Amino acid sequence: MAMPEKPTTTIHSQLLEILSQLPLSFQEEVLNFAISLQKKKLTQHWDAISDVEAAALKTEFADEDLDFAESVLTDYFSQLQQEDAV
């Protein structure tokens, strides 16, 4: 006796079958829609964190960004000086 398919397997099969029958332009629209759903999910996850967690992440990334910018600008300044010397 065959095992019944899992619901996700059935959904994937149906999606693949339908997509394969659509023109490429419609497939691109479906892809863009799926990407927007994924971004929306990521945004909802971000919105679900506490204000304390968000503040900690913002501080952490701000410090990393500042450190990176300072290191890059130091190198950039020396490169500008070398170009001016030429």
PDB file of N, CA and C in Angstrom:
ATOM      1  N   MET A   1       0.842  -1.174   0.000  1.00  0.00           N
ATOM      2  CA  MET A   1       0.000   0.000   0.000  1.00  0.00           C
ATOM      3  C   MET A   1       0.892   1.244   0.000  1.00  0.00           C
ATOM      4  N   ALA A   2       0.648   2.164  -0.909  1.00  0.00           N
ATOM      5  CA  ALA A   2       1.465   3.367  -1.051  1.00  0.00           C
ATOM      6  C   ALA A   2       1.167   4.343   0.075  1.00  0.00           C
ATOM      7  N   MET A   3       2.241   4.996   0.523  1.00  0.00           N
ATOM      8  CA  MET A   3       2.089   6.008   1.569  1.00  0.00           C
ATOM      9  C   MET A   3       1.454   7.256   0.958  1.00  0.00           C
ATOM     10  N   PRO A   4       0.555   7.892   1.671  1.00  0.00           N
ATOM     11  CA  PRO A   4      -0.020   9.136   1.137  1.00  0.00           C
ATOM     12  C   PRO A   4       1.051  10.226   1.099  1.00  0.00           C
ATOM     13  N   GLU A   5       0.952  11.090   0.091  1.00  0.00           N
ATOM     14  CA  GLU A   5       1.932  12.168  -0.039  1.00  0.00           C
ATOM     15  C   GLU A   5       1.743  13.180   1.078  1.00  0.00           C
ATOM     16  N   LYS A   6       2.841  13.768   1.499  1.00  0.00           N
ATOM     17  CA  LYS A   6       2.764  14.839   2.480  1.00  0.00           C
ATOM     18  C   LYS A   6       2.141  16.056   1.800  1.00  0.00           C
ATOM     19  N   PRO A   7       1.415  16.885   2.557  1.00  0.00           N
ATOM     20  CA  PRO A   7       0.800  18.073   1.942  1.00  0.00           C
ATOM     21  C   PRO A   7       1.802  18.972   1.228  1.00  0.00           C
ATOM     22  N   THR A   8       3.005  19.166   1.796  1.00  0.00           N
ATOM     23  CA  THR A   8       3.985  20.031   1.130  1.00  0.00           C
ATOM     24  C   THR A   8       4.459  19.432  -0.186  1.00  0.00           C
ATOM     25  N   THR A   9       4.584  18.117  -0.228  1.00  0.00           N
ATOM     26  CA  THR A   9       4.982  17.458  -1.473  1.00  0.00           C
ATOM     27  C   THR A   9       3.917  17.679  -2.536  1.00  0.00           C
ATOM     28  N   THR A  10       2.668  17.568  -2.142  1.00  0.00           N
ATOM     29  CA  THR A  10       1.561  17.782  -3.071  1.00  0.00           C
ATOM     30  C   THR A  10       1.562  19.224  -3.571  1.00  0.00           C
ATOM     31  N   ILE A  11       1.750  20.165  -2.666  1.00  0.00           N
ATOM     32  CA  ILE A  11       1.775  21.579  -3.057  1.00  0.00           C
ATOM     33  C   ILE A  11       2.934  21.847  -4.010  1.00  0.00           C
ATOM     34  N   HIS A  12       4.113  21.331  -3.691  1.00  0.00           N
ATOM     35  CA  HIS A  12       5.276  21.524  -4.571  1.00  0.00           C
ATOM     36  C   HIS A  12       5.009  20.938  -5.953  1.00  0.00           C
ATOM     37  N   SER A  13       4.428  19.754  -5.986  1.00  0.00           N
ATOM     38  CA  SER A  13       4.131  19.108  -7.270  1.00  0.00           C
ATOM     39  C   SER A  13       3.147  19.938  -8.075  1.00  0.00           C
ATOM     40  N   GLN A  14       2.120  20.420  -7.406  1.00  0.00           N
ATOM     41  CA  GLN A  14       1.119  21.234  -8.097  1.00  0.00           C
ATOM     42  C   GLN A  14       1.732  22.528  -8.619  1.00  0.00           C
ATOM     43  N   LEU A  15       2.541  23.164  -7.791  1.00  0.00           N
ATOM     44  CA  LEU A  15       3.189  24.405  -8.224  1.00  0.00           C
ATOM     45  C   LEU A  15       4.088  24.179  -9.437  1.00  0.00           C
ATOM     46  N   LEU A  16       4.898  23.137  -9.377  1.00  0.00           N
ATOM     47  CA  LEU A  16       5.790  22.846 -10.503  1.00  0.00           C
ATOM     48  C   LEU A  16       5.009  22.549 -11.775  1.00  0.00           C
ATOM     49  N   GLU A  17       3.935  21.810 -11.640  1.00  0.00           N
ATOM     50  CA  GLU A  17       3.120  21.477 -12.816  1.00  0.00           C
ATOM     51  C   GLU A  17       2.506  22.736 -13.421  1.00  0.00           C
ATOM     52  N   ILE A  18       1.941  23.575 -12.579  1.00  0.00           N
ATOM     53  CA  ILE A  18       1.310  24.799 -13.076  1.00  0.00           C
ATOM     54  C   ILE A  18       2.350  25.741 -13.666  1.00  0.00           C
ATOM     55  N   LEU A  19       3.470  25.924 -12.961  1.00  0.00           N
ATOM     56  CA  LEU A  19       4.513  26.821 -13.453  1.00  0.00           C
ATOM     57  C   LEU A  19       5.070  26.375 -14.800  1.00  0.00           C
ATOM     58  N   SER A  20       5.232  25.092 -14.966  1.00  0.00           N
ATOM     59  CA  SER A  20       5.793  24.588 -16.223  1.00  0.00           C
ATOM     60  C   SER A  20       4.878  24.863 -17.409  1.00  0.00           C
ATOM     61  N   GLN A  21       3.611  25.101 -17.143  1.00  0.00           N
ATOM     62  CA  GLN A  21       2.654  25.354 -18.223  1.00  0.00           C
ATOM     63  C   GLN A  21       2.486  26.845 -18.522  1.00  0.00           C
ATOM     64  N   LEU A  22       3.020  27.685 -17.665  1.00  0.00           N
ATOM     65  CA  LEU A  22       2.881  29.129 -17.852  1.00  0.00           C
ATOM     66  C   LEU A  22       3.966  29.670 -18.775  1.00  0.00           C
ATOM     67  N   PRO A  23       3.655  30.754 -19.491  1.00  0.00           N
ATOM     68  CA  PRO A  23       4.693  31.414 -20.282  1.00  0.00           C
ATOM     69  C   PRO A  23       5.783  31.966 -19.357  1.00  0.00           C
ATOM     70  N   LEU A  24       6.963  32.152 -19.893  1.00  0.00           N
ATOM     71  CA  LEU A  24       8.107  32.613 -19.109  1.00  0.00           C
ATOM     72  C   LEU A  24       7.811  33.925 -18.383  1.00  0.00           C
ATOM     73  N   SER A  25       7.116  34.836 -19.043  1.00  0.00           N
ATOM     74  CA  SER A  25       6.822  36.127 -18.402  1.00  0.00           C
ATOM     75  C   SER A  25       5.964  35.937 -17.152  1.00  0.00           C
ATOM     76  N   PHE A  26       5.025  34.992 -17.186  1.00  0.00           N
ATOM     77  CA  PHE A  26       4.195  34.714 -16.007  1.00  0.00           C
ATOM     78  C   PHE A  26       5.023  34.018 -14.932  1.00  0.00           C
ATOM     79  N   GLN A  27       5.952  33.159 -15.359  1.00  0.00           N
ATOM     80  CA  GLN A  27       6.822  32.492 -14.391  1.00  0.00           C
ATOM     81  C   GLN A  27       7.654  33.531 -13.635  1.00  0.00           C
ATOM     82  N   GLU A  28       8.114  34.558 -14.358  1.00  0.00           N
ATOM     83  CA  GLU A  28       8.885  35.627 -13.724  1.00  0.00           C
ATOM     84  C   GLU A  28       8.028  36.389 -12.720  1.00  0.00           C
ATOM     85  N   GLU A  29       6.748  36.614 -13.062  1.00  0.00           N
ATOM     86  CA  GLU A  29       5.841  37.288 -12.134  1.00  0.00           C
ATOM     87  C   GLU A  29       5.649  36.459 -10.869  1.00  0.00           C
ATOM     88  N   VAL A  30       5.494  35.151 -11.036  1.00  0.00           N
ATOM     89  CA  VAL A  30       5.332  34.265  -9.881  1.00  0.00           C
ATOM     90  C   VAL A  30       6.598  34.298  -9.023  1.00  0.00           C
ATOM     91  N   LEU A  31       7.751  34.272  -9.661  1.00  0.00           N
ATOM     92  CA  LEU A  31       9.014  34.339  -8.927  1.00  0.00           C
ATOM     93  C   LEU A  31       9.115  35.641  -8.138  1.00  0.00           C
ATOM     94  N   ASN A  32       8.795  36.761  -8.779  1.00  0.00           N
ATOM     95  CA  ASN A  32       8.845  38.052  -8.088  1.00  0.00           C
ATOM     96  C   ASN A  32       7.883  38.085  -6.909  1.00  0.00           C
ATOM     97  N   PHE A  33       6.704  37.491  -7.089  1.00  0.00           N
ATOM     98  CA  PHE A  33       5.734  37.430  -5.998  1.00  0.00           C
ATOM     99  C   PHE A  33       6.278  36.584  -4.850  1.00  0.00           C
ATOM    100  N   ALA A  34       6.882  35.453  -5.174  1.00  0.00           N
ATOM    101  CA  ALA A  34       7.451  34.582  -4.138  1.00  0.00           C
ATOM    102  C   ALA A  34       8.572  35.303  -3.385  1.00  0.00           C
ATOM    103  N   ILE A  35       9.391  36.046  -4.108  1.00  0.00           N
ATOM    104  CA  ILE A  35      10.466  36.815  -3.472  1.00  0.00           C
ATOM    105  C   ILE A  35       9.879  37.864  -2.540  1.00  0.00           C
ATOM    106  N   SER A  36       8.808  38.536  -2.978  1.00  0.00           N
ATOM    107  CA  SER A  36       8.195  39.554  -2.116  1.00  0.00           C
ATOM    108  C   SER A  36       7.596  38.924  -0.866  1.00  0.00           C
ATOM    109  N   LEU A  37       7.037  37.725  -0.996  1.00  0.00           N
ATOM    110  CA  LEU A  37       6.518  37.026   0.185  1.00  0.00           C
ATOM    111  C   LEU A  37       7.643  36.688   1.152  1.00  0.00           C
ATOM    112  N   GLN A  38       8.769  36.262   0.608  1.00  0.00           N
ATOM    113  CA  GLN A  38       9.912  35.918   1.448  1.00  0.00           C
ATOM    114  C   GLN A  38      10.421  37.154   2.192  1.00  0.00           C
ATOM    115  N   LYS A  39      10.516  38.284   1.491  1.00  0.00           N
ATOM    116  CA  LYS A  39      10.966  39.522   2.130  1.00  0.00           C
ATOM    117  C   LYS A  39       9.986  39.951   3.214  1.00  0.00           C
ATOM    118  N   LYS A  40       8.697  39.799   2.922  1.00  0.00           N
ATOM    119  CA  LYS A  40       7.665  40.161   3.896  1.00  0.00           C
ATOM    120  C   LYS A  40       7.813  39.319   5.158  1.00  0.00           C
ATOM    121  N   LYS A  41       8.097  38.035   4.983  1.00  0.00           N
ATOM    122  CA  LYS A  41       8.275  37.138   6.125  1.00  0.00           C
ATOM    123  C   LYS A  41       9.476  37.575   6.951  1.00  0.00           C
ATOM    124  N   LEU A  42      10.579  37.931   6.279  1.00  0.00           N
ATOM    125  CA  LEU A  42      11.772  38.387   6.993  1.00  0.00           C
ATOM    126  C   LEU A  42      11.486  39.674   7.755  1.00  0.00           C
ATOM    127  N   THR A  43      10.717  40.567   7.146  1.00  0.00           N
ATOM    128  CA  THR A  43      10.356  41.817   7.805  1.00  0.00           C
ATOM    129  C   THR A  43       9.492  41.551   9.021  1.00  0.00           C
ATOM    130  N   GLN A  44       8.548  40.627   8.887  1.00  0.00           N
ATOM    131  CA  GLN A  44       7.687  40.297  10.019  1.00  0.00           C
ATOM    132  C   GLN A  44       8.513  39.719  11.158  1.00  0.00           C
ATOM    133  N   HIS A  45       9.524  38.916  10.822  1.00  0.00           N
ATOM    134  CA  HIS A  45      10.390  38.354  11.858  1.00  0.00           C
ATOM    135  C   HIS A  45      11.126  39.479  12.575  1.00  0.00           C
ATOM    136  N   TRP A  46      11.621  40.449  11.825  1.00  0.00           N
ATOM    137  CA  TRP A  46      12.319  41.577  12.436  1.00  0.00           C
ATOM    138  C   TRP A  46      11.369  42.351  13.338  1.00  0.00           C
ATOM    139  N   ASP A  47      10.130  42.564  12.889  1.00  0.00           N
ATOM    140  CA  ASP A  47       9.161  43.306  13.687  1.00  0.00           C
ATOM    141  C   ASP A  47       8.782  42.568  14.964  1.00  0.00           C
ATOM    142  N   ALA A  48       8.998  41.262  15.001  1.00  0.00           N
ATOM    143  CA  ALA A  48       8.589  40.461  16.152  1.00  0.00           C
ATOM    144  C   ALA A  48       9.604  40.494  17.293  1.00  0.00           C
ATOM    145  N   ILE A  49      10.797  41.036  17.055  1.00  0.00           N
ATOM    146  CA  ILE A  49      11.779  41.051  18.142  1.00  0.00           C
ATOM    147  C   ILE A  49      11.472  42.220  19.079  1.00  0.00           C
ATOM    148  N   SER A  50      11.946  42.103  20.296  1.00  0.00           N
ATOM    149  CA  SER A  50      11.675  43.137  21.295  1.00  0.00           C
ATOM    150  C   SER A  50      12.487  44.396  20.995  1.00  0.00           C
ATOM    151  N   ASP A  51      12.058  45.492  21.577  1.00  0.00           N
ATOM    152  CA  ASP A  51      12.783  46.750  21.405  1.00  0.00           C
ATOM    153  C   ASP A  51      14.199  46.657  21.971  1.00  0.00           C
ATOM    154  N   VAL A  52      14.351  45.893  23.038  1.00  0.00           N
ATOM    155  CA  VAL A  52      15.676  45.720  23.645  1.00  0.00           C
ATOM    156  C   VAL A  52      16.602  44.979  22.680  1.00  0.00           C
ATOM    157  N   GLU A  53      16.087  43.892  22.065  1.00  0.00           N
ATOM    158  CA  GLU A  53      16.893  43.138  21.088  1.00  0.00           C
ATOM    159  C   GLU A  53      17.242  44.014  19.892  1.00  0.00           C
ATOM    160  N   ALA A  54      16.265  44.786  19.411  1.00  0.00           N
ATOM    161  CA  ALA A  54      16.498  45.652  18.256  1.00  0.00           C
ATOM    162  C   ALA A  54      17.560  46.697  18.570  1.00  0.00           C
ATOM    163  N   ALA A  55      17.481  47.286  19.752  1.00  0.00           N
ATOM    164  CA  ALA A  55      18.469  48.299  20.142  1.00  0.00           C
ATOM    165  C   ALA A  55      19.864  47.694  20.227  1.00  0.00           C
ATOM    166  N   ALA A  56      19.963  46.484  20.768  1.00  0.00           N
ATOM    167  CA  ALA A  56      21.268  45.820  20.878  1.00  0.00           C
ATOM    168  C   ALA A  56      21.848  45.535  19.494  1.00  0.00           C
ATOM    169  N   LEU A  57      21.010  45.063  18.576  1.00  0.00           N
ATOM    170  CA  LEU A  57      21.483  44.783  17.216  1.00  0.00           C
ATOM    171  C   LEU A  57      21.914  46.060  16.508  1.00  0.00           C
ATOM    172  N   LYS A  58      21.126  47.103  16.658  1.00  0.00           N
ATOM    173  CA  LYS A  58      21.470  48.371  16.013  1.00  0.00           C
ATOM    174  C   LYS A  58      22.807  48.893  16.532  1.00  0.00           C
ATOM    175  N   THR A  59      23.017  48.796  17.825  1.00  0.00           N
ATOM    176  CA  THR A  59      24.277  49.244  18.417  1.00  0.00           C
ATOM    177  C   THR A  59      25.439  48.400  17.910  1.00  0.00           C
ATOM    178  N   GLU A  60      25.236  47.085  17.897  1.00  0.00           N
ATOM    179  CA  GLU A  60      26.291  46.176  17.432  1.00  0.00           C
ATOM    180  C   GLU A  60      26.685  46.489  15.998  1.00  0.00           C
ATOM    181  N   PHE A  61      25.698  46.630  15.119  1.00  0.00           N
ATOM    182  CA  PHE A  61      26.007  46.879  13.719  1.00  0.00           C
ATOM    183  C   PHE A  61      26.546  48.285  13.504  1.00  0.00           C
ATOM    184  N   ALA A  62      26.092  49.245  14.290  1.00  0.00           N
ATOM    185  CA  ALA A  62      26.608  50.610  14.160  1.00  0.00           C
ATOM    186  C   ALA A  62      28.095  50.630  14.483  1.00  0.00           C
ATOM    187  N   ASP A  63      28.484  49.938  15.542  1.00  0.00           N
ATOM    188  CA  ASP A  63      29.905  49.877  15.910  1.00  0.00           C
ATOM    189  C   ASP A  63      30.723  49.187  14.825  1.00  0.00           C
ATOM    190  N   GLU A  64      30.209  48.080  14.292  1.00  0.00           N
ATOM    191  CA  GLU A  64      30.921  47.366  13.223  1.00  0.00           C
ATOM    192  C   GLU A  64      31.036  48.239  11.980  1.00  0.00           C
ATOM    193  N   ASP A  65      29.946  48.925  11.627  1.00  0.00           N
ATOM    194  CA  ASP A  65      29.963  49.790  10.451  1.00  0.00           C
ATOM    195  C   ASP A  65      30.965  50.927  10.618  1.00  0.00           C
ATOM    196  N   LEU A  66      30.993  51.512  11.797  1.00  0.00           N
ATOM    197  CA  LEU A  66      31.927  52.606  12.061  1.00  0.00           C
ATOM    198  C   LEU A  66      33.370  52.119  11.978  1.00  0.00           C
ATOM    199  N   ASP A  67      33.649  50.969  12.579  1.00  0.00           N
ATOM    200  CA  ASP A  67      35.004  50.404  12.515  1.00  0.00           C
ATOM    201  C   ASP A  67      35.422  50.145  11.073  1.00  0.00           C
ATOM    202  N   PHE A  68      34.508  49.574  10.293  1.00  0.00           N
ATOM    203  CA  PHE A  68      34.812  49.279   8.892  1.00  0.00           C
ATOM    204  C   PHE A  68      35.061  50.571   8.114  1.00  0.00           C
ATOM    205  N   ALA A  69      34.177  51.550   8.299  1.00  0.00           N
ATOM    206  CA  ALA A  69      34.314  52.815   7.573  1.00  0.00           C
ATOM    207  C   ALA A  69      35.635  53.499   7.908  1.00  0.00           C
ATOM    208  N   GLU A  70      35.995  53.490   9.178  1.00  0.00           N
ATOM    209  CA  GLU A  70      37.257  54.122   9.576  1.00  0.00           C
ATOM    210  C   GLU A  70      38.459  53.425   8.951  1.00  0.00           C
ATOM    211  N   SER A  71      38.436  52.102   8.907  1.00  0.00           N
ATOM    212  CA  SER A  71      39.567  51.376   8.321  1.00  0.00           C
ATOM    213  C   SER A  71      39.659  51.619   6.820  1.00  0.00           C
ATOM    214  N   VAL A  72      38.533  51.681   6.158  1.00  0.00           N
ATOM    215  CA  VAL A  72      38.530  51.911   4.709  1.00  0.00           C
ATOM    216  C   VAL A  72      38.971  53.331   4.399  1.00  0.00           C
ATOM    217  N   LEU A  73      38.486  54.284   5.175  1.00  0.00           N
ATOM    218  CA  LEU A  73      38.851  55.674   4.919  1.00  0.00           C
ATOM    219  C   LEU A  73      40.338  55.923   5.144  1.00  0.00           C
ATOM    220  N   THR A  74      40.929  55.247   6.094  1.00  0.00           N
ATOM    221  CA  THR A  74      42.365  55.383   6.331  1.00  0.00           C
ATOM    222  C   THR A  74      43.140  54.939   5.093  1.00  0.00           C
ATOM    223  N   ASP A  75      42.774  53.796   4.551  1.00  0.00           N
ATOM    224  CA  ASP A  75      43.425  53.303   3.329  1.00  0.00           C
ATOM    225  C   ASP A  75      43.151  54.235   2.154  1.00  0.00           C
ATOM    226  N   TYR A  76      41.933  54.720   2.058  1.00  0.00           N
ATOM    227  CA  TYR A  76      41.540  55.584   0.955  1.00  0.00           C
ATOM    228  C   TYR A  76      42.337  56.891   0.989  1.00  0.00           C
ATOM    229  N   PHE A  77      42.494  57.440   2.177  1.00  0.00           N
ATOM    230  CA  PHE A  77      43.246  58.688   2.318  1.00  0.00           C
ATOM    231  C   PHE A  77      44.687  58.514   1.850  1.00  0.00           C
ATOM    232  N   SER A  78      45.321  57.413   2.229  1.00  0.00           N
ATOM    233  CA  SER A  78      46.708  57.191   1.798  1.00  0.00           C
ATOM    234  C   SER A  78      46.775  56.985   0.284  1.00  0.00           C
ATOM    235  N   GLN A  79      45.773  56.358  -0.296  1.00  0.00           N
ATOM    236  CA  GLN A  79      45.742  56.177  -1.752  1.00  0.00           C
ATOM    237  C   GLN A  79      45.588  57.520  -2.459  1.00  0.00           C
ATOM    238  N   LEU A  80      44.759  58.391  -1.902  1.00  0.00           N
ATOM    239  CA  LEU A  80      44.603  59.725  -2.491  1.00  0.00           C
ATOM    240  C   LEU A  80      45.915  60.500  -2.444  1.00  0.00           C
ATOM    241  N   GLN A  81      46.624  60.387  -1.341  1.00  0.00           N
ATOM    242  CA  GLN A  81      47.911  61.071  -1.218  1.00  0.00           C
ATOM    243  C   GLN A  81      48.904  60.545  -2.247  1.00  0.00           C
ATOM    244  N   GLN A  82      48.898  59.238  -2.480  1.00  0.00           N
ATOM    245  CA  GLN A  82      49.796  58.649  -3.479  1.00  0.00           C
ATOM    246  C   GLN A  82      49.437  59.148  -4.873  1.00  0.00           C
ATOM    247  N   GLU A  83      48.138  59.245  -5.171  1.00  0.00           N
ATOM    248  CA  GLU A  83      47.716  59.737  -6.484  1.00  0.00           C
ATOM    249  C   GLU A  83      48.112  61.198  -6.669  1.00  0.00           C
ATOM    250  N   ASP A  84      47.979  61.985  -5.608  1.00  0.00           N
ATOM    251  CA  ASP A  84      48.350  63.398  -5.697  1.00  0.00           C
ATOM    252  C   ASP A  84      49.847  63.570  -5.933  1.00  0.00           C
ATOM    253  N   ALA A  85      50.640  62.643  -5.427  1.00  0.00           N
ATOM    254  CA  ALA A  85      52.094  62.720  -5.573  1.00  0.00           C
ATOM    255  C   ALA A  85      52.532  62.405  -6.996  1.00  0.00           C
ATOM    256  N   VAL A  86      51.681  61.731  -7.748  1.00  0.00           N
ATOM    257  CA  VAL A  86      52.060  61.317  -9.108  1.00  0.00           C
ATOM    258  C   VAL A  86      51.973  62.444 -10.081  1.00  0.00           C
TER     259      VAL A  86
END
